Structures are given as structure tokens and as C-alpha cells.
Amino acid sequence: MPLFKRRTVGKPGEWFYCLEHKKVEEGPDCPGKDRMGPYASREEATRAMETARERNAEWETDPRWHDAPSGEPDA
């Protein structure tokens, strides 16, 4: 018996962005490794890559996510 059951049918109103096909899908049509989501709306899923870029930029400039420079003790 598998540890995790593959869900092939999504809940109504769940939207995903497929990284493989580069398109928005309602329900999890593609494997989890190839999708982002779920999102509450089609519009949110459409912006998935833009949202990811914005969050990555925020995290890259957030000092809490960087190690202390080499040679300096941790705070």
C-alpha cells in the first residue's frame, strides 16, 4: 500500500500552475513535482511565476536569511 495516495481529481476552485506545460490548470492534472499551487483563483495561478520571482527577490535581500560573513562570529 502506498504511503501517499496520488490525488487525480482536484477540488472545485483549486488552481495550479504547471511548470512542465507552462499553463494554468484547474485541479492537479500534472504530478506535484511539476506544479505550483494550489491557488484560490485562476488569476493567482496565472501570476505564479511572477509571485515566485518577487518572493525570491525579497528573500535574497532579507538579512535574516543569510549566514554571517566568513570570519565573523554569529550574532
PDB file of N, CA and C in Angstrom:
ATOM      1  N   MET A   1       0.848  -1.187   0.000  1.00  0.00           N
ATOM      2  CA  MET A   1       0.000   0.000   0.000  1.00  0.00           C
ATOM      3  C   MET A   1       0.887   1.241   0.000  1.00  0.00           C
ATOM      4  N   PRO A   2       0.652   2.174  -0.903  1.00  0.00           N
ATOM      5  CA  PRO A   2       1.490   3.370  -0.971  1.00  0.00           C
ATOM      6  C   PRO A   2       1.293   4.257   0.251  1.00  0.00           C
ATOM      7  N   LEU A   3       2.370   4.928   0.594  1.00  0.00           N
ATOM      8  CA  LEU A   3       2.334   5.834   1.732  1.00  0.00           C
ATOM      9  C   LEU A   3       1.438   7.040   1.455  1.00  0.00           C
ATOM     10  N   PHE A   4       1.542   7.575   0.249  1.00  0.00           N
ATOM     11  CA  PHE A   4       0.723   8.717  -0.135  1.00  0.00           C
ATOM     12  C   PHE A   4      -0.118   8.338  -1.347  1.00  0.00           C
ATOM     13  N   LYS A   5      -1.386   8.606  -1.268  1.00  0.00           N
ATOM     14  CA  LYS A   5      -2.275   8.313  -2.392  1.00  0.00           C
ATOM     15  C   LYS A   5      -2.203   9.465  -3.387  1.00  0.00           C
ATOM     16  N   ARG A   6      -2.021   9.154  -4.647  1.00  0.00           N
ATOM     17  CA  ARG A   6      -1.971  10.183  -5.675  1.00  0.00           C
ATOM     18  C   ARG A   6      -3.376  10.705  -5.915  1.00  0.00           C
ATOM     19  N   ARG A   7      -3.526  11.990  -5.749  1.00  0.00           N
ATOM     20  CA  ARG A   7      -4.824  12.619  -5.962  1.00  0.00           C
ATOM     21  C   ARG A   7      -4.931  13.001  -7.424  1.00  0.00           C
ATOM     22  N   THR A   8      -5.889  12.441  -8.094  1.00  0.00           N
ATOM     23  CA  THR A   8      -6.025  12.708  -9.522  1.00  0.00           C
ATOM     24  C   THR A   8      -7.138  13.691  -9.834  1.00  0.00           C
ATOM     25  N   VAL A   9      -8.016  13.919  -8.902  1.00  0.00           N
ATOM     26  CA  VAL A   9      -9.120  14.851  -9.127  1.00  0.00           C
ATOM     27  C   VAL A   9      -8.997  15.973  -8.103  1.00  0.00           C
ATOM     28  N   GLY A  10      -9.009  17.198  -8.587  1.00  0.00           N
ATOM     29  CA  GLY A  10      -8.890  18.336  -7.690  1.00  0.00           C
ATOM     30  C   GLY A  10     -10.220  18.763  -7.114  1.00  0.00           C
ATOM     31  N   LYS A  11     -10.128  19.590  -6.117  1.00  0.00           N
ATOM     32  CA  LYS A  11     -11.335  20.174  -5.541  1.00  0.00           C
ATOM     33  C   LYS A  11     -11.776  21.329  -6.440  1.00  0.00           C
ATOM     34  N   PRO A  12     -13.055  21.569  -6.534  1.00  0.00           N
ATOM     35  CA  PRO A  12     -13.516  22.711  -7.333  1.00  0.00           C
ATOM     36  C   PRO A  12     -12.893  24.008  -6.810  1.00  0.00           C
ATOM     37  N   GLY A  13     -12.395  24.805  -7.715  1.00  0.00           N
ATOM     38  CA  GLY A  13     -11.814  26.078  -7.342  1.00  0.00           C
ATOM     39  C   GLY A  13     -10.333  26.020  -7.012  1.00  0.00           C
ATOM     40  N   GLU A  14      -9.687  24.859  -7.106  1.00  0.00           N
ATOM     41  CA  GLU A  14      -8.242  24.773  -6.907  1.00  0.00           C
ATOM     42  C   GLU A  14      -7.548  24.989  -8.244  1.00  0.00           C
ATOM     43  N   TRP A  15      -6.610  25.897  -8.259  1.00  0.00           N
ATOM     44  CA  TRP A  15      -5.887  26.223  -9.484  1.00  0.00           C
ATOM     45  C   TRP A  15      -4.404  25.988  -9.269  1.00  0.00           C
ATOM     46  N   PHE A  16      -3.743  25.508 -10.298  1.00  0.00           N
ATOM     47  CA  PHE A  16      -2.321  25.212 -10.246  1.00  0.00           C
ATOM     48  C   PHE A  16      -1.639  25.799 -11.475  1.00  0.00           C
ATOM     49  N   TYR A  17      -0.337  26.058 -11.333  1.00  0.00           N
ATOM     50  CA  TYR A  17       0.460  26.452 -12.482  1.00  0.00           C
ATOM     51  C   TYR A  17       1.398  25.293 -12.788  1.00  0.00           C
ATOM     52  N   CYS A  18       1.307  24.735 -13.986  1.00  0.00           N
ATOM     53  CA  CYS A  18       2.139  23.601 -14.394  1.00  0.00           C
ATOM     54  C   CYS A  18       3.457  24.127 -14.958  1.00  0.00           C
ATOM     55  N   LEU A  19       4.558  23.730 -14.323  1.00  0.00           N
ATOM     56  CA  LEU A  19       5.882  24.148 -14.770  1.00  0.00           C
ATOM     57  C   LEU A  19       6.300  23.427 -16.050  1.00  0.00           C
ATOM     58  N   GLU A  20       5.804  22.231 -16.243  1.00  0.00           N
ATOM     59  CA  GLU A  20       6.134  21.441 -17.431  1.00  0.00           C
ATOM     60  C   GLU A  20       5.469  22.026 -18.677  1.00  0.00           C
ATOM     61  N   HIS A  21       4.181  22.317 -18.583  1.00  0.00           N
ATOM     62  CA  HIS A  21       3.425  22.810 -19.739  1.00  0.00           C
ATOM     63  C   HIS A  21       3.320  24.327 -19.787  1.00  0.00           C
ATOM     64  N   LYS A  22       3.754  24.977 -18.689  1.00  0.00           N
ATOM     65  CA  LYS A  22       3.719  26.446 -18.584  1.00  0.00           C
ATOM     66  C   LYS A  22       2.323  26.994 -18.827  1.00  0.00           C
ATOM     67  N   LYS A  23       1.354  26.385 -18.101  1.00  0.00           N
ATOM     68  CA  LYS A  23      -0.023  26.853 -18.224  1.00  0.00           C
ATOM     69  C   LYS A  23      -0.766  26.635 -16.914  1.00  0.00           C
ATOM     70  N   VAL A  24      -1.883  27.315 -16.778  1.00  0.00           N
ATOM     71  CA  VAL A  24      -2.743  27.213 -15.601  1.00  0.00           C
ATOM     72  C   VAL A  24      -3.696  26.051 -15.798  1.00  0.00           C
ATOM     73  N   GLU A  25      -3.876  25.263 -14.718  1.00  0.00           N
ATOM     74  CA  GLU A  25      -4.777  24.116 -14.779  1.00  0.00           C
ATOM     75  C   GLU A  25      -5.693  24.131 -13.568  1.00  0.00           C
ATOM     76  N   GLU A  26      -6.924  23.740 -13.773  1.00  0.00           N
ATOM     77  CA  GLU A  26      -7.836  23.582 -12.641  1.00  0.00           C
ATOM     78  C   GLU A  26      -7.732  22.139 -12.184  1.00  0.00           C
ATOM     79  N   GLY A  27      -7.391  21.966 -10.924  1.00  0.00           N
ATOM     80  CA  GLY A  27      -7.186  20.622 -10.400  1.00  0.00           C
ATOM     81  C   GLY A  27      -5.773  20.151 -10.688  1.00  0.00           C
ATOM     82  N   PRO A  28      -5.306  19.172  -9.929  1.00  0.00           N
ATOM     83  CA  PRO A  28      -3.939  18.700 -10.123  1.00  0.00           C
ATOM     84  C   PRO A  28      -3.833  17.707 -11.281  1.00  0.00           C
ATOM     85  N   ASP A  29      -3.757  18.215 -12.506  1.00  0.00           N
ATOM     86  CA  ASP A  29      -3.635  17.345 -13.672  1.00  0.00           C
ATOM     87  C   ASP A  29      -2.238  16.753 -13.797  1.00  0.00           C
ATOM     88  N   CYS A  30      -1.220  17.514 -13.416  1.00  0.00           N
ATOM     89  CA  CYS A  30       0.164  17.075 -13.555  1.00  0.00           C
ATOM     90  C   CYS A  30       0.725  16.657 -12.193  1.00  0.00           C
ATOM     91  N   PRO A  31       1.834  15.896 -12.199  1.00  0.00           N
ATOM     92  CA  PRO A  31       2.443  15.470 -10.938  1.00  0.00           C
ATOM     93  C   PRO A  31       2.859  16.665 -10.076  1.00  0.00           C
ATOM     94  N   GLY A  32       2.894  16.458  -8.776  1.00  0.00           N
ATOM     95  CA  GLY A  32       3.227  17.525  -7.841  1.00  0.00           C
ATOM     96  C   GLY A  32       4.578  18.165  -8.102  1.00  0.00           C
ATOM     97  N   LYS A  33       5.541  17.394  -8.588  1.00  0.00           N
ATOM     98  CA  LYS A  33       6.875  17.940  -8.851  1.00  0.00           C
ATOM     99  C   LYS A  33       6.870  18.963  -9.979  1.00  0.00           C
ATOM    100  N   ASP A  34       5.820  18.960 -10.788  1.00  0.00           N
ATOM    101  CA  ASP A  34       5.742  19.848 -11.938  1.00  0.00           C
ATOM    102  C   ASP A  34       4.763  20.998 -11.766  1.00  0.00           C
ATOM    103  N   ARG A  35       4.247  21.204 -10.569  1.00  0.00           N
ATOM    104  CA  ARG A  35       3.230  22.251 -10.436  1.00  0.00           C
ATOM    105  C   ARG A  35       3.445  23.105  -9.193  1.00  0.00           C
ATOM    106  N   MET A  36       2.882  24.302  -9.245  1.00  0.00           N
ATOM    107  CA  MET A  36       2.875  25.221  -8.109  1.00  0.00           C
ATOM    108  C   MET A  36       1.413  25.437  -7.733  1.00  0.00           C
ATOM    109  N   GLY A  37       1.149  25.504  -6.456  1.00  0.00           N
ATOM    110  CA  GLY A  37      -0.217  25.728  -6.020  1.00  0.00           C
ATOM    111  C   GLY A  37      -0.584  24.803  -4.896  1.00  0.00           C
ATOM    112  N   PRO A  38      -1.817  24.776  -4.483  1.00  0.00           N
ATOM    113  CA  PRO A  38      -2.986  25.344  -5.147  1.00  0.00           C
ATOM    114  C   PRO A  38      -3.149  26.832  -4.864  1.00  0.00           C
ATOM    115  N   TYR A  39      -3.807  27.482  -5.782  1.00  0.00           N
ATOM    116  CA  TYR A  39      -4.156  28.887  -5.665  1.00  0.00           C
ATOM    117  C   TYR A  39      -5.669  28.994  -5.603  1.00  0.00           C
ATOM    118  N   ALA A  40      -6.147  30.062  -4.990  1.00  0.00           N
ATOM    119  CA  ALA A  40      -7.588  30.254  -4.799  1.00  0.00           C
ATOM    120  C   ALA A  40      -8.296  30.694  -6.071  1.00  0.00           C
ATOM    121  N   SER A  41      -7.542  31.276  -7.006  1.00  0.00           N
ATOM    122  CA  SER A  41      -8.180  31.758  -8.232  1.00  0.00           C
ATOM    123  C   SER A  41      -7.275  31.517  -9.432  1.00  0.00           C
ATOM    124  N   ARG A  42      -7.890  31.564 -10.595  1.00  0.00           N
ATOM    125  CA  ARG A  42      -7.134  31.414 -11.843  1.00  0.00           C
ATOM    126  C   ARG A  42      -6.119  32.551 -11.986  1.00  0.00           C
ATOM    127  N   GLU A  43      -6.503  33.752 -11.572  1.00  0.00           N
ATOM    128  CA  GLU A  43      -5.621  34.912 -11.681  1.00  0.00           C
ATOM    129  C   GLU A  43      -4.365  34.732 -10.828  1.00  0.00           C
ATOM    130  N   GLU A  44      -4.525  34.202  -9.598  1.00  0.00           N
ATOM    131  CA  GLU A  44      -3.372  33.955  -8.736  1.00  0.00           C
ATOM    132  C   GLU A  44      -2.448  32.925  -9.372  1.00  0.00           C
ATOM    133  N   ALA A  45      -3.010  31.875  -9.939  1.00  0.00           N
ATOM    134  CA  ALA A  45      -2.200  30.839 -10.588  1.00  0.00           C
ATOM    135  C   ALA A  45      -1.483  31.404 -11.815  1.00  0.00           C
ATOM    136  N   THR A  46      -2.130  32.302 -12.528  1.00  0.00           N
ATOM    137  CA  THR A  46      -1.521  32.934 -13.694  1.00  0.00           C
ATOM    138  C   THR A  46      -0.281  33.719 -13.294  1.00  0.00           C
ATOM    139  N   ARG A  47      -0.297  34.299 -12.104  1.00  0.00           N
ATOM    140  CA  ARG A  47       0.825  35.101 -11.605  1.00  0.00           C
ATOM    141  C   ARG A  47       1.855  34.274 -10.827  1.00  0.00           C
ATOM    142  N   ALA A  48       1.764  32.951 -10.855  1.00  0.00           N
ATOM    143  CA  ALA A  48       2.611  32.093 -10.024  1.00  0.00           C
ATOM    144  C   ALA A  48       4.102  32.371 -10.204  1.00  0.00           C
ATOM    145  N   MET A  49       4.569  32.458 -11.425  1.00  0.00           N
ATOM    146  CA  MET A  49       5.995  32.683 -11.663  1.00  0.00           C
ATOM    147  C   MET A  49       6.412  34.090 -11.236  1.00  0.00           C
ATOM    148  N   GLU A  50       5.559  35.065 -11.472  1.00  0.00           N
ATOM    149  CA  GLU A  50       5.852  36.440 -11.048  1.00  0.00           C
ATOM    150  C   GLU A  50       5.913  36.515  -9.525  1.00  0.00           C
ATOM    151  N   THR A  51       4.970  35.862  -8.861  1.00  0.00           N
ATOM    152  CA  THR A  51       4.960  35.831  -7.395  1.00  0.00           C
ATOM    153  C   THR A  51       6.223  35.166  -6.865  1.00  0.00           C
ATOM    154  N   ALA A  52       6.632  34.073  -7.481  1.00  0.00           N
ATOM    155  CA  ALA A  52       7.852  33.374  -7.061  1.00  0.00           C
ATOM    156  C   ALA A  52       9.075  34.269  -7.229  1.00  0.00           C
ATOM    157  N   ARG A  53       9.166  34.990  -8.341  1.00  0.00           N
ATOM    158  CA  ARG A  53      10.299  35.907  -8.551  1.00  0.00           C
ATOM    159  C   ARG A  53      10.313  37.005  -7.493  1.00  0.00           C
ATOM    160  N   GLU A  54       9.146  37.570  -7.187  1.00  0.00           N
ATOM    161  CA  GLU A  54       9.059  38.625  -6.176  1.00  0.00           C
ATOM    162  C   GLU A  54       9.502  38.107  -4.807  1.00  0.00           C
ATOM    163  N   ARG A  55       9.027  36.914  -4.434  1.00  0.00           N
ATOM    164  CA  ARG A  55       9.391  36.341  -3.137  1.00  0.00           C
ATOM    165  C   ARG A  55      10.875  36.008  -3.079  1.00  0.00           C
ATOM    166  N   ASN A  56      11.423  35.481  -4.167  1.00  0.00           N
ATOM    167  CA  ASN A  56      12.854  35.181  -4.196  1.00  0.00           C
ATOM    168  C   ASN A  56      13.679  36.448  -4.006  1.00  0.00           C
ATOM    169  N   ALA A  57      13.266  37.538  -4.660  1.00  0.00           N
ATOM    170  CA  ALA A  57      13.980  38.809  -4.515  1.00  0.00           C
ATOM    171  C   ALA A  57      13.905  39.306  -3.072  1.00  0.00           C
ATOM    172  N   GLU A  58      12.736  39.174  -2.449  1.00  0.00           N
ATOM    173  CA  GLU A  58      12.596  39.587  -1.041  1.00  0.00           C
ATOM    174  C   GLU A  58      13.501  38.761  -0.137  1.00  0.00           C
ATOM    175  N   TRP A  59      13.532  37.456  -0.357  1.00  0.00           N
ATOM    176  CA  TRP A  59      14.351  36.581   0.488  1.00  0.00           C
ATOM    177  C   TRP A  59      15.835  36.829   0.265  1.00  0.00           C
ATOM    178  N   GLU A  60      16.232  37.120  -0.961  1.00  0.00           N
ATOM    179  CA  GLU A  60      17.638  37.386  -1.250  1.00  0.00           C
ATOM    180  C   GLU A  60      18.139  38.638  -0.542  1.00  0.00           C
ATOM    181  N   THR A  61      17.261  39.604  -0.320  1.00  0.00           N
ATOM    182  CA  THR A  61      17.669  40.848   0.321  1.00  0.00           C
ATOM    183  C   THR A  61      17.338  40.883   1.807  1.00  0.00           C
ATOM    184  N   ASP A  62      16.777  39.803   2.335  1.00  0.00           N
ATOM    185  CA  ASP A  62      16.427  39.734   3.758  1.00  0.00           C
ATOM    186  C   ASP A  62      17.641  39.271   4.562  1.00  0.00           C
ATOM    187  N   PRO A  63      18.181  40.128   5.435  1.00  0.00           N
ATOM    188  CA  PRO A  63      19.385  39.753   6.187  1.00  0.00           C
ATOM    189  C   PRO A  63      19.169  38.565   7.122  1.00  0.00           C
ATOM    190  N   ARG A  64      17.955  38.265   7.480  1.00  0.00           N
ATOM    191  CA  ARG A  64      17.701  37.128   8.371  1.00  0.00           C
ATOM    192  C   ARG A  64      17.965  35.793   7.688  1.00  0.00           C
ATOM    193  N   TRP A  65      18.029  35.776   6.351  1.00  0.00           N
ATOM    194  CA  TRP A  65      18.204  34.524   5.620  1.00  0.00           C
ATOM    195  C   TRP A  65      19.638  34.286   5.184  1.00  0.00           C
ATOM    196  N   HIS A  66      20.565  35.129   5.606  1.00  0.00           N
ATOM    197  CA  HIS A  66      21.960  34.979   5.200  1.00  0.00           C
ATOM    198  C   HIS A  66      22.815  34.633   6.407  1.00  0.00           C
ATOM    199  N   ASP A  67      23.816  33.794   6.175  1.00  0.00           N
ATOM    200  CA  ASP A  67      24.769  33.461   7.227  1.00  0.00           C
ATOM    201  C   ASP A  67      25.657  34.655   7.493  1.00  0.00           C
ATOM    202  N   ALA A  68      26.296  34.644   8.664  1.00  0.00           N
ATOM    203  CA  ALA A  68      27.249  35.705   8.979  1.00  0.00           C
ATOM    204  C   ALA A  68      28.421  35.617   7.992  1.00  0.00           C
ATOM    205  N   PRO A  69      28.964  36.749   7.581  1.00  0.00           N
ATOM    206  CA  PRO A  69      30.119  36.722   6.675  1.00  0.00           C
ATOM    207  C   PRO A  69      31.253  35.894   7.289  1.00  0.00           C
ATOM    208  N   SER A  70      32.032  35.234   6.451  1.00  0.00           N
ATOM    209  CA  SER A  70      33.112  34.389   6.962  1.00  0.00           C
ATOM    210  C   SER A  70      34.080  35.216   7.799  1.00  0.00           C
ATOM    211  N   GLY A  71      34.507  34.635   8.878  1.00  0.00           N
ATOM    212  CA  GLY A  71      35.443  35.309   9.774  1.00  0.00           C
ATOM    213  C   GLY A  71      34.745  36.070  10.888  1.00  0.00           C
ATOM    214  N   GLU A  72      33.438  36.261  10.789  1.00  0.00           N
ATOM    215  CA  GLU A  72      32.702  36.957  11.830  1.00  0.00           C
ATOM    216  C   GLU A  72      31.874  35.956  12.638  1.00  0.00           C
ATOM    217  N   PRO A  73      31.820  36.131  13.954  1.00  0.00           N
ATOM    218  CA  PRO A  73      31.005  35.201  14.769  1.00  0.00           C
ATOM    219  C   PRO A  73      29.523  35.424  14.517  1.00  0.00           C
ATOM    220  N   ASP A  74      28.743  34.382  14.724  1.00  0.00           N
ATOM    221  CA  ASP A  74      27.292  34.507  14.581  1.00  0.00           C
ATOM    222  C   ASP A  74      26.738  35.421  15.656  1.00  0.00           C
ATOM    223  N   ALA A  75      25.706  36.153  15.327  1.00  0.00           N
ATOM    224  CA  ALA A  75      25.094  37.088  16.283  1.00  0.00           C
ATOM    225  C   ALA A  75      24.216  36.356  17.265  1.00  0.00           C
TER     226      ALA A  75
END
